[in-house]
């Protein structure tokens, strides 16, 4: 029998053991309606207080939430830093410019050589 298939409610059970059923055990249990999200949201105030004292912090519960927000906004410790990086690239790359100049000079030299002007 699987407990996953049982509905929410109170249950009682009897267990018999042996051939002639001499050993008998009875018991009761209850299946509660719980959300799985609430299982992991356990309030551990003692551990949080210890953690805050170790790290030179201050523990504030839910009632101190608005105070914590105001403190955080007033401190300049967490200021926003904006960095702007500008990458500029020329329209004509130097490598191609040098290749173009060498090509035109070599073509001019070959043309002058061909027509006999050199």
PDB file of N, CA and C in Angstrom:
ATOM      1  N   UNK A   1       0.841  -1.178   0.000  1.00  0.00           N
ATOM      2  CA  UNK A   1       0.000   0.000   0.000  1.00  0.00           C
ATOM      3  C   UNK A   1       0.889   1.246   0.000  1.00  0.00           C
ATOM      4  N   UNK A   2       0.521   2.216  -0.777  1.00  0.00           N
ATOM      5  CA  UNK A   2       1.286   3.453  -0.873  1.00  0.00           C
ATOM      6  C   UNK A   2       0.544   4.563  -0.135  1.00  0.00           C
ATOM      7  N   UNK A   3       1.285   5.344   0.637  1.00  0.00           N
ATOM      8  CA  UNK A   3       0.666   6.462   1.355  1.00  0.00           C
ATOM      9  C   UNK A   3       0.344   7.620   0.423  1.00  0.00           C
ATOM     10  N   UNK A   4       0.935   7.640  -0.752  1.00  0.00           N
ATOM     11  CA  UNK A   4       0.662   8.713  -1.703  1.00  0.00           C
ATOM     12  C   UNK A   4      -0.768   8.667  -2.239  1.00  0.00           C
ATOM     13  N   UNK A   5      -1.361   7.492  -2.238  1.00  0.00           N
ATOM     14  CA  UNK A   5      -2.707   7.367  -2.785  1.00  0.00           C
ATOM     15  C   UNK A   5      -3.798   7.695  -1.775  1.00  0.00           C
ATOM     16  N   UNK A   6      -3.448   7.888  -0.504  1.00  0.00           N
ATOM     17  CA  UNK A   6      -4.448   8.186   0.522  1.00  0.00           C
ATOM     18  C   UNK A   6      -4.850   9.653   0.489  1.00  0.00           C
ATOM     19  N   UNK A   7      -6.112   9.892   0.780  1.00  0.00           N
ATOM     20  CA  UNK A   7      -6.637  11.248   0.848  1.00  0.00           C
ATOM     21  C   UNK A   7      -6.278  11.871   2.191  1.00  0.00           C
ATOM     22  N   UNK A   8      -6.480  13.192   2.304  1.00  0.00           N
ATOM     23  CA  UNK A   8      -6.225  13.910   3.547  1.00  0.00           C
ATOM     24  C   UNK A   8      -7.276  13.479   4.568  1.00  0.00           C
ATOM     25  N   UNK A   9      -6.812  13.146   5.776  1.00  0.00           N
ATOM     26  CA  UNK A   9      -7.749  12.737   6.817  1.00  0.00           C
ATOM     27  C   UNK A   9      -7.081  11.907   7.894  1.00  0.00           C
ATOM     28  N   UNK A  10      -7.894  11.366   8.826  1.00  0.00           N
ATOM     29  CA  UNK A  10      -7.396  10.540   9.927  1.00  0.00           C
ATOM     30  C   UNK A  10      -7.651   9.073   9.596  1.00  0.00           C
ATOM     31  N   UNK A  11      -6.677   8.217   9.914  1.00  0.00           N
ATOM     32  CA  UNK A  11      -6.759   6.802   9.604  1.00  0.00           C
ATOM     33  C   UNK A  11      -6.350   5.997  10.821  1.00  0.00           C
ATOM     34  N   UNK A  12      -6.921   4.801  10.940  1.00  0.00           N
ATOM     35  CA  UNK A  12      -6.496   3.841  11.961  1.00  0.00           C
ATOM     36  C   UNK A  12      -6.188   2.526  11.250  1.00  0.00           C
ATOM     37  N   UNK A  13      -5.311   1.714  11.856  1.00  0.00           N
ATOM     38  CA  UNK A  13      -4.906   0.472  11.212  1.00  0.00           C
ATOM     39  C   UNK A  13      -4.729  -0.624  12.252  1.00  0.00           C
ATOM     40  N   UNK A  14      -4.815  -1.873  11.793  1.00  0.00           N
ATOM     41  CA  UNK A  14      -4.558  -3.075  12.603  1.00  0.00           C
ATOM     42  C   UNK A  14      -3.646  -3.978  11.801  1.00  0.00           C
ATOM     43  N   UNK A  15      -2.628  -4.511  12.457  1.00  0.00           N
ATOM     44  CA  UNK A  15      -1.688  -5.415  11.811  1.00  0.00           C
ATOM     45  C   UNK A  15      -1.685  -6.715  12.600  1.00  0.00           C
ATOM     46  N   UNK A  16      -1.872  -7.841  11.891  1.00  0.00           N
ATOM     47  CA  UNK A  16      -1.850  -9.162  12.506  1.00  0.00           C
ATOM     48  C   UNK A  16      -0.613  -9.893  12.013  1.00  0.00           C
ATOM     49  N   UNK A  17      -0.009 -10.679  12.890  1.00  0.00           N
ATOM     50  CA  UNK A  17       1.189 -11.405  12.520  1.00  0.00           C
ATOM     51  C   UNK A  17       1.029 -12.860  12.900  1.00  0.00           C
ATOM     52  N   UNK A  18       1.659 -13.728  12.162  1.00  0.00           N
ATOM     53  CA  UNK A  18       1.644 -15.156  12.463  1.00  0.00           C
ATOM     54  C   UNK A  18       0.489 -15.861  11.776  1.00  0.00           C
ATOM     55  N   UNK A  19       0.531 -17.192  11.871  1.00  0.00           N
ATOM     56  CA  UNK A  19      -0.485 -18.006  11.213  1.00  0.00           C
ATOM     57  C   UNK A  19      -1.811 -17.913  11.957  1.00  0.00           C
ATOM     58  N   UNK A  20      -1.738 -17.992  13.269  1.00  0.00           N
ATOM     59  CA  UNK A  20      -2.983 -17.950  14.029  1.00  0.00           C
ATOM     60  C   UNK A  20      -3.309 -16.537  14.517  1.00  0.00           C
ATOM     61  N   UNK A  21      -2.598 -15.533  14.039  1.00  0.00           N
ATOM     62  CA  UNK A  21      -2.863 -14.118  14.293  1.00  0.00           C
ATOM     63  C   UNK A  21      -2.872 -13.782  15.784  1.00  0.00           C
ATOM     64  N   UNK A  22      -1.854 -14.302  16.504  1.00  0.00           N
ATOM     65  CA  UNK A  22      -1.749 -14.036  17.924  1.00  0.00           C
ATOM     66  C   UNK A  22      -1.243 -12.617  18.199  1.00  0.00           C
ATOM     67  N   UNK A  23      -0.297 -12.150  17.377  1.00  0.00           N
ATOM     68  CA  UNK A  23       0.297 -10.831  17.592  1.00  0.00           C
ATOM     69  C   UNK A  23      -0.539  -9.805  16.822  1.00  0.00           C
ATOM     70  N   UNK A  24      -1.043  -8.824  17.547  1.00  0.00           N
ATOM     71  CA  UNK A  24      -1.899  -7.821  16.927  1.00  0.00           C
ATOM     72  C   UNK A  24      -1.404  -6.445  17.357  1.00  0.00           C
ATOM     73  N   UNK A  25      -1.222  -5.538  16.389  1.00  0.00           N
ATOM     74  CA  UNK A  25      -0.819  -4.162  16.656  1.00  0.00           C
ATOM     75  C   UNK A  25      -1.833  -3.230  16.014  1.00  0.00           C
ATOM     76  N   UNK A  26      -2.168  -2.162  16.710  1.00  0.00           N
ATOM     77  CA  UNK A  26      -3.086  -1.167  16.174  1.00  0.00           C
ATOM     78  C   UNK A  26      -2.441   0.199  16.288  1.00  0.00           C
ATOM     79  N   UNK A  27      -2.934   1.118  15.507  1.00  0.00           N
ATOM     80  CA  UNK A  27      -2.398   2.467  15.565  1.00  0.00           C
ATOM     81  C   UNK A  27      -3.240   3.420  14.750  1.00  0.00           C
ATOM     82  N   UNK A  28      -2.896   4.700  14.871  1.00  0.00           N
ATOM     83  CA  UNK A  28      -3.598   5.749  14.133  1.00  0.00           C
ATOM     84  C   UNK A  28      -2.577   6.724  13.556  1.00  0.00           C
ATOM     85  N   UNK A  29      -2.945   7.329  12.452  1.00  0.00           N
ATOM     86  CA  UNK A  29      -2.125   8.386  11.878  1.00  0.00           C
ATOM     87  C   UNK A  29      -3.033   9.348  11.131  1.00  0.00           C
ATOM     88  N   UNK A  30      -2.478  10.514  10.830  1.00  0.00           N
ATOM     89  CA  UNK A  30      -3.249  11.549  10.161  1.00  0.00           C
ATOM     90  C   UNK A  30      -2.433  12.099   8.999  1.00  0.00           C
ATOM     91  N   UNK A  31      -3.078  12.294   7.874  1.00  0.00           N
ATOM     92  CA  UNK A  31      -2.436  12.899   6.704  1.00  0.00           C
ATOM     93  C   UNK A  31      -2.933  14.333   6.624  1.00  0.00           C
ATOM     94  N   UNK A  32      -1.979  15.256   6.712  1.00  0.00           N
ATOM     95  CA  UNK A  32      -2.297  16.682   6.720  1.00  0.00           C
ATOM     96  C   UNK A  32      -2.110  17.284   5.335  1.00  0.00           C
ATOM     97  N   UNK A  33      -2.806  18.359   5.089  1.00  0.00           N
ATOM     98  CA  UNK A  33      -2.651  19.097   3.829  1.00  0.00           C
ATOM     99  C   UNK A  33      -1.482  20.059   3.990  1.00  0.00           C
ATOM    100  N   UNK A  34      -0.389  19.794   3.302  1.00  0.00           N
ATOM    101  CA  UNK A  34       0.778  20.669   3.373  1.00  0.00           C
ATOM    102  C   UNK A  34       1.220  21.023   1.961  1.00  0.00           C
ATOM    103  N   UNK A  35       1.734  22.222   1.830  1.00  0.00           N
ATOM    104  CA  UNK A  35       2.325  22.645   0.568  1.00  0.00           C
ATOM    105  C   UNK A  35       3.802  22.313   0.599  1.00  0.00           C
ATOM    106  N   UNK A  36       4.322  21.809  -0.488  1.00  0.00           N
ATOM    107  CA  UNK A  36       5.731  21.439  -0.549  1.00  0.00           C
ATOM    108  C   UNK A  36       6.626  22.661  -0.404  1.00  0.00           C
ATOM    109  N   UNK A  37       6.113  23.836  -0.792  1.00  0.00           N
ATOM    110  CA  UNK A  37       6.894  25.058  -0.656  1.00  0.00           C
ATOM    111  C   UNK A  37       7.131  25.410   0.811  1.00  0.00           C
ATOM    112  N   UNK A  38       6.151  25.098   1.664  1.00  0.00           N
ATOM    113  CA  UNK A  38       6.273  25.433   3.083  1.00  0.00           C
ATOM    114  C   UNK A  38       7.237  24.520   3.829  1.00  0.00           C
ATOM    115  N   UNK A  39       7.537  23.361   3.273  1.00  0.00           N
ATOM    116  CA  UNK A  39       8.423  22.417   3.946  1.00  0.00           C
ATOM    117  C   UNK A  39       9.832  22.998   4.064  1.00  0.00           C
ATOM    118  N   UNK A  40      10.295  23.708   3.046  1.00  0.00           N
ATOM    119  CA  UNK A  40      11.651  24.226   3.040  1.00  0.00           C
ATOM    120  C   UNK A  40      11.755  25.647   3.584  1.00  0.00           C
ATOM    121  N   UNK A  41      10.653  26.282   3.921  1.00  0.00           N
ATOM    122  CA  UNK A  41      10.658  27.643   4.453  1.00  0.00           C
ATOM    123  C   UNK A  41      10.579  27.621   5.974  1.00  0.00           C
ATOM    124  N   UNK A  42      11.510  26.950   6.586  1.00  0.00           N
ATOM    125  CA  UNK A  42      11.534  26.848   8.040  1.00  0.00           C
ATOM    126  C   UNK A  42      12.309  28.045   8.582  1.00  0.00           C
ATOM    127  N   UNK A  43      11.749  28.691   9.568  1.00  0.00           N
ATOM    128  CA  UNK A  43      12.370  29.872  10.151  1.00  0.00           C
ATOM    129  C   UNK A  43      13.484  29.441  11.105  1.00  0.00           C
ATOM    130  N   UNK A  44      14.699  29.780  10.787  1.00  0.00           N
ATOM    131  CA  UNK A  44      15.849  29.421  11.605  1.00  0.00           C
ATOM    132  C   UNK A  44      16.444  30.693  12.195  1.00  0.00           C
ATOM    133  N   UNK A  45      15.742  31.287  13.134  1.00  0.00           N
ATOM    134  CA  UNK A  45      16.173  32.573  13.684  1.00  0.00           C
ATOM    135  C   UNK A  45      17.464  32.446  14.474  1.00  0.00           C
ATOM    136  N   UNK A  46      17.649  31.350  15.177  1.00  0.00           N
ATOM    137  CA  UNK A  46      18.864  31.183  15.978  1.00  0.00           C
ATOM    138  C   UNK A  46      20.104  31.163  15.084  1.00  0.00           C
ATOM    139  N   UNK A  47      20.045  30.398  14.005  1.00  0.00           N
ATOM    140  CA  UNK A  47      21.179  30.316  13.091  1.00  0.00           C
ATOM    141  C   UNK A  47      21.424  31.650  12.385  1.00  0.00           C
ATOM    142  N   UNK A  48      20.341  32.353  12.031  1.00  0.00           N
ATOM    143  CA  UNK A  48      20.499  33.648  11.369  1.00  0.00           C
ATOM    144  C   UNK A  48      21.106  34.691  12.308  1.00  0.00           C
ATOM    145  N   UNK A  49      20.722  34.668  13.584  1.00  0.00           N
ATOM    146  CA  UNK A  49      21.309  35.596  14.555  1.00  0.00           C
ATOM    147  C   UNK A  49      22.795  35.315  14.746  1.00  0.00           C
ATOM    148  N   UNK A  50      23.161  34.032  14.825  1.00  0.00           N
ATOM    149  CA  UNK A  50      24.578  33.671  14.963  1.00  0.00           C
ATOM    150  C   UNK A  50      25.365  34.103  13.733  1.00  0.00           C
ATOM    151  N   UNK A  51      24.800  33.905  12.565  1.00  0.00           N
ATOM    152  CA  UNK A  51      25.466  34.292  11.320  1.00  0.00           C
ATOM    153  C   UNK A  51      25.673  35.796  11.251  1.00  0.00           C
ATOM    154  N   UNK A  52      24.677  36.556  11.699  1.00  0.00           N
ATOM    155  CA  UNK A  52      24.810  38.014  11.650  1.00  0.00           C
ATOM    156  C   UNK A  52      25.851  38.507  12.649  1.00  0.00           C
ATOM    157  N   UNK A  53      25.956  37.894  13.814  1.00  0.00           N
ATOM    158  CA  UNK A  53      26.972  38.333  14.782  1.00  0.00           C
ATOM    159  C   UNK A  53      28.375  37.953  14.318  1.00  0.00           C
ATOM    160  N   UNK A  54      28.523  36.815  13.673  1.00  0.00           N
ATOM    161  CA  UNK A  54      29.839  36.402  13.176  1.00  0.00           C
ATOM    162  C   UNK A  54      30.325  37.347  12.089  1.00  0.00           C
ATOM    163  N   UNK A  55      29.411  37.822  11.245  1.00  0.00           N
ATOM    164  CA  UNK A  55      29.767  38.685  10.125  1.00  0.00           C
ATOM    165  C   UNK A  55      29.594  40.163  10.423  1.00  0.00           C
ATOM    166  N   UNK A  56      29.553  40.538  11.693  1.00  0.00           N
ATOM    167  CA  UNK A  56      29.382  41.930  12.134  1.00  0.00           C
ATOM    168  C   UNK A  56      28.149  42.570  11.494  1.00  0.00           C
ATOM    169  N   UNK A  57      27.076  41.822  11.425  1.00  0.00           N
ATOM    170  CA  UNK A  57      25.841  42.327  10.856  1.00  0.00           C
ATOM    171  C   UNK A  57      24.779  42.486  11.922  1.00  0.00           C
ATOM    172  N   UNK A  58      23.592  42.774  11.490  1.00  0.00           N
ATOM    173  CA  UNK A  58      22.463  42.964  12.386  1.00  0.00           C
ATOM    174  C   UNK A  58      21.334  42.060  11.913  1.00  0.00           C
ATOM    175  N   UNK A  59      20.755  41.302  12.846  1.00  0.00           N
ATOM    176  CA  UNK A  59      19.620  40.453  12.510  1.00  0.00           C
ATOM    177  C   UNK A  59      18.336  41.259  12.642  1.00  0.00           C
ATOM    178  N   UNK A  60      17.511  41.204  11.611  1.00  0.00           N
ATOM    179  CA  UNK A  60      16.192  41.835  11.641  1.00  0.00           C
ATOM    180  C   UNK A  60      15.190  40.845  11.105  1.00  0.00           C
ATOM    181  N   UNK A  61      14.112  40.661  11.826  1.00  0.00           N
ATOM    182  CA  UNK A  61      13.058  39.770  11.367  1.00  0.00           C
ATOM    183  C   UNK A  61      12.199  40.461  10.321  1.00  0.00           C
ATOM    184  N   UNK A  62      11.038  39.884  10.067  1.00  0.00           N
ATOM    185  CA  UNK A  62      10.145  40.472   9.079  1.00  0.00           C
ATOM    186  C   UNK A  62       9.609  41.829   9.517  1.00  0.00           C
ATOM    187  N   UNK A  63       9.527  42.036  10.837  1.00  0.00           N
ATOM    188  CA  UNK A  63       9.025  43.321  11.305  1.00  0.00           C
ATOM    189  C   UNK A  63      10.023  44.452  11.039  1.00  0.00           C
ATOM    190  N   UNK A  64      11.292  44.130  10.885  1.00  0.00           N
ATOM    191  CA  UNK A  64      12.299  45.145  10.604  1.00  0.00           C
ATOM    192  C   UNK A  64      12.626  45.287   9.131  1.00  0.00           C
ATOM    193  N   UNK A  65      11.778  44.763   8.275  1.00  0.00           N
ATOM    194  CA  UNK A  65      12.043  44.788   6.835  1.00  0.00           C
ATOM    195  C   UNK A  65      12.104  46.214   6.296  1.00  0.00           C
ATOM    196  N   UNK A  66      11.156  47.040   6.661  1.00  0.00           N
ATOM    197  CA  UNK A  66      11.140  48.415   6.140  1.00  0.00           C
ATOM    198  C   UNK A  66      12.329  49.212   6.671  1.00  0.00           C
ATOM    199  N   UNK A  67      12.729  48.953   7.907  1.00  0.00           N
ATOM    200  CA  UNK A  67      13.903  49.627   8.478  1.00  0.00           C
ATOM    201  C   UNK A  67      15.161  49.209   7.719  1.00  0.00           C
ATOM    202  N   UNK A  68      15.257  47.932   7.388  1.00  0.00           N
ATOM    203  CA  UNK A  68      16.424  47.431   6.654  1.00  0.00           C
ATOM    204  C   UNK A  68      16.508  48.049   5.263  1.00  0.00           C
ATOM    205  N   UNK A  69      15.379  48.208   4.604  1.00  0.00           N
ATOM    206  CA  UNK A  69      15.368  48.829   3.270  1.00  0.00           C
ATOM    207  C   UNK A  69      15.806  50.283   3.358  1.00  0.00           C
ATOM    208  N   UNK A  70      15.309  51.006   4.364  1.00  0.00           N
ATOM    209  CA  UNK A  70      15.699  52.413   4.536  1.00  0.00           C
ATOM    210  C   UNK A  70      17.195  52.535   4.816  1.00  0.00           C
ATOM    211  N   UNK A  71      17.728  51.658   5.671  1.00  0.00           N
ATOM    212  CA  UNK A  71      19.170  51.682   5.972  1.00  0.00           C
ATOM    213  C   UNK A  71      19.986  51.408   4.721  1.00  0.00           C
ATOM    214  N   UNK A  72      19.548  50.458   3.947  1.00  0.00           N
ATOM    215  CA  UNK A  72      20.280  50.082   2.740  1.00  0.00           C
ATOM    216  C   UNK A  72      20.289  51.226   1.720  1.00  0.00           C
ATOM    217  N   UNK A  73      19.177  51.921   1.606  1.00  0.00           N
ATOM    218  CA  UNK A  73      19.106  53.024   0.645  1.00  0.00           C
ATOM    219  C   UNK A  73      19.920  54.233   1.102  1.00  0.00           C
ATOM    220  N   UNK A  74      20.075  54.425   2.420  1.00  0.00           N
ATOM    221  CA  UNK A  74      20.825  55.574   2.923  1.00  0.00           C
ATOM    222  C   UNK A  74      22.334  55.379   2.855  1.00  0.00           C
ATOM    223  N   UNK A  75      22.807  54.149   2.907  1.00  0.00           N
ATOM    224  CA  UNK A  75      24.247  53.920   2.882  1.00  0.00           C
ATOM    225  C   UNK A  75      24.797  54.111   1.484  1.00  0.00           C
ATOM    226  N   UNK A  76      26.001  54.665   1.411  1.00  0.00           N
ATOM    227  CA  UNK A  76      26.670  54.855   0.132  1.00  0.00           C
ATOM    228  C   UNK A  76      27.611  53.693  -0.164  1.00  0.00           C
ATOM    229  N   UNK A  77      27.581  52.681   0.687  1.00  0.00           N
ATOM    230  CA  UNK A  77      28.469  51.541   0.525  1.00  0.00           C
ATOM    231  C   UNK A  77      28.154  50.767  -0.760  1.00  0.00           C
ATOM    232  N   UNK A  78      26.893  50.728  -1.125  1.00  0.00           N
ATOM    233  CA  UNK A  78      26.468  49.967  -2.283  1.00  0.00           C
ATOM    234  C   UNK A  78      26.039  50.911  -3.401  1.00  0.00           C
ATOM    235  N   UNK A  79      26.940  51.748  -3.842  1.00  0.00           N
ATOM    236  CA  UNK A  79      26.592  52.687  -4.902  1.00  0.00           C
ATOM    237  C   UNK A  79      26.729  52.017  -6.268  1.00  0.00           C
ATOM    238  N   UNK A  80      26.044  52.557  -7.233  1.00  0.00           N
ATOM    239  CA  UNK A  80      26.045  52.008  -8.580  1.00  0.00           C
ATOM    240  C   UNK A  80      27.258  52.543  -9.335  1.00  0.00           C
ATOM    241  N   UNK A  81      27.979  51.646  -9.972  1.00  0.00           N
ATOM    242  CA  UNK A  81      29.153  52.021 -10.757  1.00  0.00           C
ATOM    243  C   UNK A  81      28.859  51.670 -12.202  1.00  0.00           C
ATOM    244  N   UNK A  82      28.990  52.668 -13.066  1.00  0.00           N
ATOM    245  CA  UNK A  82      28.771  52.441 -14.485  1.00  0.00           C
ATOM    246  C   UNK A  82      30.094  52.594 -15.212  1.00  0.00           C
ATOM    247  N   UNK A  83      30.423  51.613 -15.984  1.00  0.00           N
ATOM    248  CA  UNK A  83      31.621  51.658 -16.809  1.00  0.00           C
ATOM    249  C   UNK A  83      31.189  51.684 -18.259  1.00  0.00           C
ATOM    250  N   UNK A  84      31.800  52.572 -18.999  1.00  0.00           N
ATOM    251  CA  UNK A  84      31.475  52.677 -20.410  1.00  0.00           C
ATOM    252  C   UNK A  84      32.736  52.359 -21.203  1.00  0.00           C
ATOM    253  N   UNK A  85      32.650  51.364 -22.048  1.00  0.00           N
ATOM    254  CA  UNK A  85      33.778  50.960 -22.873  1.00  0.00           C
ATOM    255  C   UNK A  85      33.415  51.243 -24.319  1.00  0.00           C
ATOM    256  N   UNK A  86      34.261  52.020 -24.970  1.00  0.00           N
ATOM    257  CA  UNK A  86      34.022  52.383 -26.364  1.00  0.00           C
ATOM    258  C   UNK A  86      35.108  51.739 -27.217  1.00  0.00           C
ATOM    259  N   UNK A  87      34.678  50.946 -28.177  1.00  0.00           N
ATOM    260  CA  UNK A  87      35.606  50.328 -29.119  1.00  0.00           C
ATOM    261  C   UNK A  87      35.436  51.047 -30.452  1.00  0.00           C
ATOM    262  N   UNK A  88      36.529  51.615 -30.929  1.00  0.00           N
ATOM    263  CA  UNK A  88      36.454  52.275 -32.232  1.00  0.00           C
ATOM    264  C   UNK A  88      37.345  51.522 -33.211  1.00  0.00           C
ATOM    265  N   UNK A  89      36.841  51.409 -34.410  1.00  0.00           N
ATOM    266  CA  UNK A  89      37.582  50.710 -35.449  1.00  0.00           C
ATOM    267  C   UNK A  89      37.551  51.590 -36.692  1.00  0.00           C
ATOM    268  N   UNK A  90      38.706  51.773 -37.304  1.00  0.00           N
ATOM    269  CA  UNK A  90      38.773  52.629 -38.484  1.00  0.00           C
ATOM    270  C   UNK A  90      38.073  51.956 -39.660  1.00  0.00           C
ATOM    271  N   UNK A  91      37.626  52.782 -40.598  1.00  0.00           N
ATOM    272  CA  UNK A  91      36.925  52.253 -41.760  1.00  0.00           C
ATOM    273  C   UNK A  91      37.856  51.458 -42.671  1.00  0.00           C
ATOM    274  N   UNK A  92      39.091  51.921 -42.781  1.00  0.00           N
ATOM    275  CA  UNK A  92      40.074  51.239 -43.612  1.00  0.00           C
ATOM    276  C   UNK A  92      41.148  50.678 -42.688  1.00  0.00           C
ATOM    277  N   UNK A  93      41.307  49.385 -42.753  1.00  0.00           N
ATOM    278  CA  UNK A  93      42.283  48.730 -41.898  1.00  0.00           C
ATOM    279  C   UNK A  93      43.696  49.013 -42.414  1.00  0.00           C
ATOM    280  N   UNK A  94      44.658  49.149 -41.522  1.00  0.00           N
ATOM    281  CA  UNK A  94      46.041  49.471 -41.921  1.00  0.00           C
ATOM    282  C   UNK A  94      46.648  48.404 -42.816  1.00  0.00           C
ATOM    283  N   UNK A  95      46.339  47.164 -42.516  1.00  0.00           N
ATOM    284  CA  UNK A  95      46.910  46.074 -43.303  1.00  0.00           C
ATOM    285  C   UNK A  95      46.468  46.182 -44.763  1.00  0.00           C
ATOM    286  N   UNK A  96      45.180  46.430 -44.968  1.00  0.00           N
ATOM    287  CA  UNK A  96      44.678  46.558 -46.334  1.00  0.00           C
ATOM    288  C   UNK A  96      45.199  47.819 -47.009  1.00  0.00           C
ATOM    289  N   UNK A  97      45.398  48.904 -46.269  1.00  0.00           N
ATOM    290  CA  UNK A  97      45.918  50.133 -46.838  1.00  0.00           C
ATOM    291  C   UNK A  97      47.357  49.943 -47.322  1.00  0.00           C
ATOM    292  N   UNK A  98      48.175  49.269 -46.518  1.00  0.00           N
ATOM    293  CA  UNK A  98      49.563  49.004 -46.915  1.00  0.00           C
ATOM    294  C   UNK A  98      49.602  48.092 -48.139  1.00  0.00           C
ATOM    295  N   UNK A  99      48.735  47.074 -48.149  1.00  0.00           N
ATOM    296  CA  UNK A  99      48.695  46.170 -49.311  1.00  0.00           C
ATOM    297  C   UNK A  99      48.274  46.922 -50.581  1.00  0.00           C
ATOM    298  N   UNK A 100      47.317  47.835 -50.457  1.00  0.00           N
ATOM    299  CA  UNK A 100      46.859  48.610 -51.615  1.00  0.00           C
ATOM    300  C   UNK A 100      47.976  49.514 -52.147  1.00  0.00           C
ATOM    301  N   UNK A 101      48.709  50.175 -51.241  1.00  0.00           N
ATOM    302  CA  UNK A 101      49.813  51.059 -51.660  1.00  0.00           C
ATOM    303  C   UNK A 101      50.909  50.252 -52.340  1.00  0.00           C
ATOM    304  N   UNK A 102      51.284  49.109 -51.770  1.00  0.00           N
ATOM    305  CA  UNK A 102      52.308  48.269 -52.392  1.00  0.00           C
ATOM    306  C   UNK A 102      51.874  47.751 -53.759  1.00  0.00           C
ATOM    307  N   UNK A 103      50.605  47.385 -53.873  1.00  0.00           N
ATOM    308  CA  UNK A 103      50.093  46.899 -55.144  1.00  0.00           C
ATOM    309  C   UNK A 103      50.127  47.993 -56.218  1.00  0.00           C
ATOM    310  N   UNK A 104      49.692  49.202 -55.866  1.00  0.00           N
ATOM    311  CA  UNK A 104      49.703  50.296 -56.855  1.00  0.00           C
ATOM    312  C   UNK A 104      51.123  50.679 -57.245  1.00  0.00           C
ATOM    313  N   UNK A 105      52.043  50.695 -56.283  1.00  0.00           N
ATOM    314  CA  UNK A 105      53.432  51.015 -56.624  1.00  0.00           C
ATOM    315  C   UNK A 105      54.062  49.942 -57.505  1.00  0.00           C
ATOM    316  N   UNK A 106      53.747  48.679 -57.221  1.00  0.00           N
ATOM    317  CA  UNK A 106      54.328  47.616 -58.059  1.00  0.00           C
ATOM    318  C   UNK A 106      53.724  47.621 -59.463  1.00  0.00           C
ATOM    319  N   UNK A 107      52.415  47.903 -59.572  1.00  0.00           N
ATOM    320  CA  UNK A 107      51.790  48.003 -60.895  1.00  0.00           C
ATOM    321  C   UNK A 107      52.398  49.178 -61.664  1.00  0.00           C
ATOM    322  N   UNK A 108      52.610  50.309 -61.003  1.00  0.00           N
ATOM    323  CA  UNK A 108      53.226  51.454 -61.667  1.00  0.00           C
ATOM    324  C   UNK A 108      54.640  51.113 -62.129  1.00  0.00           C
ATOM    325  N   UNK A 109      55.405  50.416 -61.326  1.00  0.00           N
ATOM    326  CA  UNK A 109      56.782  50.059 -61.695  1.00  0.00           C
ATOM    327  C   UNK A 109      56.791  49.136 -62.910  1.00  0.00           C
ATOM    328  N   UNK A 110      55.877  48.114 -62.899  1.00  0.00           N
ATOM    329  CA  UNK A 110      55.826  47.198 -64.035  1.00  0.00           C
ATOM    330  C   UNK A 110      55.380  47.906 -65.312  1.00  0.00           C
ATOM    331  N   UNK A 111      54.439  48.836 -65.204  1.00  0.00           N
ATOM    332  CA  UNK A 111      54.004  49.573 -66.398  1.00  0.00           C
ATOM    333  C   UNK A 111      55.119  50.453 -66.944  1.00  0.00           C
ATOM    334  N   UNK A 112      55.840  51.137 -66.101  1.00  0.00           N
ATOM    335  CA  UNK A 112      56.974  51.959 -66.565  1.00  0.00           C
ATOM    336  C   UNK A 112      58.059  51.080 -67.170  1.00  0.00           C
ATOM    337  N   UNK A 113      58.273  49.941 -66.535  1.00  0.00           N
ATOM    338  CA  UNK A 113      59.307  49.021 -67.067  1.00  0.00           C
ATOM    339  C   UNK A 113      58.890  48.490 -68.441  1.00  0.00           C
ATOM    340  N   UNK A 114      57.613  48.185 -68.621  1.00  0.00           N
ATOM    341  CA  UNK A 114      57.103  47.641 -69.878  1.00  0.00           C
ATOM    342  C   UNK A 114      57.188  48.672 -71.009  1.00  0.00           C
ATOM    343  N   UNK A 115      56.866  49.917 -70.703  1.00  0.00           N
ATOM    344  CA  UNK A 115      56.909  50.961 -71.729  1.00  0.00           C
ATOM    345  C   UNK A 115      58.308  51.571 -71.861  1.00  0.00           C
ATOM    346  N   UNK A 116      59.254  51.136 -71.095  1.00  0.00           N
ATOM    347  CA  UNK A 116      60.627  51.583 -71.250  1.00  0.00           C
ATOM    348  C   UNK A 116      60.927  52.916 -70.643  1.00  0.00           C
ATOM    349  N   UNK A 117      60.201  53.345 -69.677  1.00  0.00           N
ATOM    350  CA  UNK A 117      60.461  54.639 -69.075  1.00  0.00           C
ATOM    351  C   UNK A 117      61.389  54.548 -67.869  1.00  0.00           C
ATOM    352  N   UNK A 118      61.780  53.325 -67.538  1.00  0.00           N
ATOM    353  CA  UNK A 118      62.726  53.187 -66.433  1.00  0.00           C
ATOM    354  C   UNK A 118      64.055  52.701 -66.961  1.00  0.00           C
TER     355      UNK A 118
END
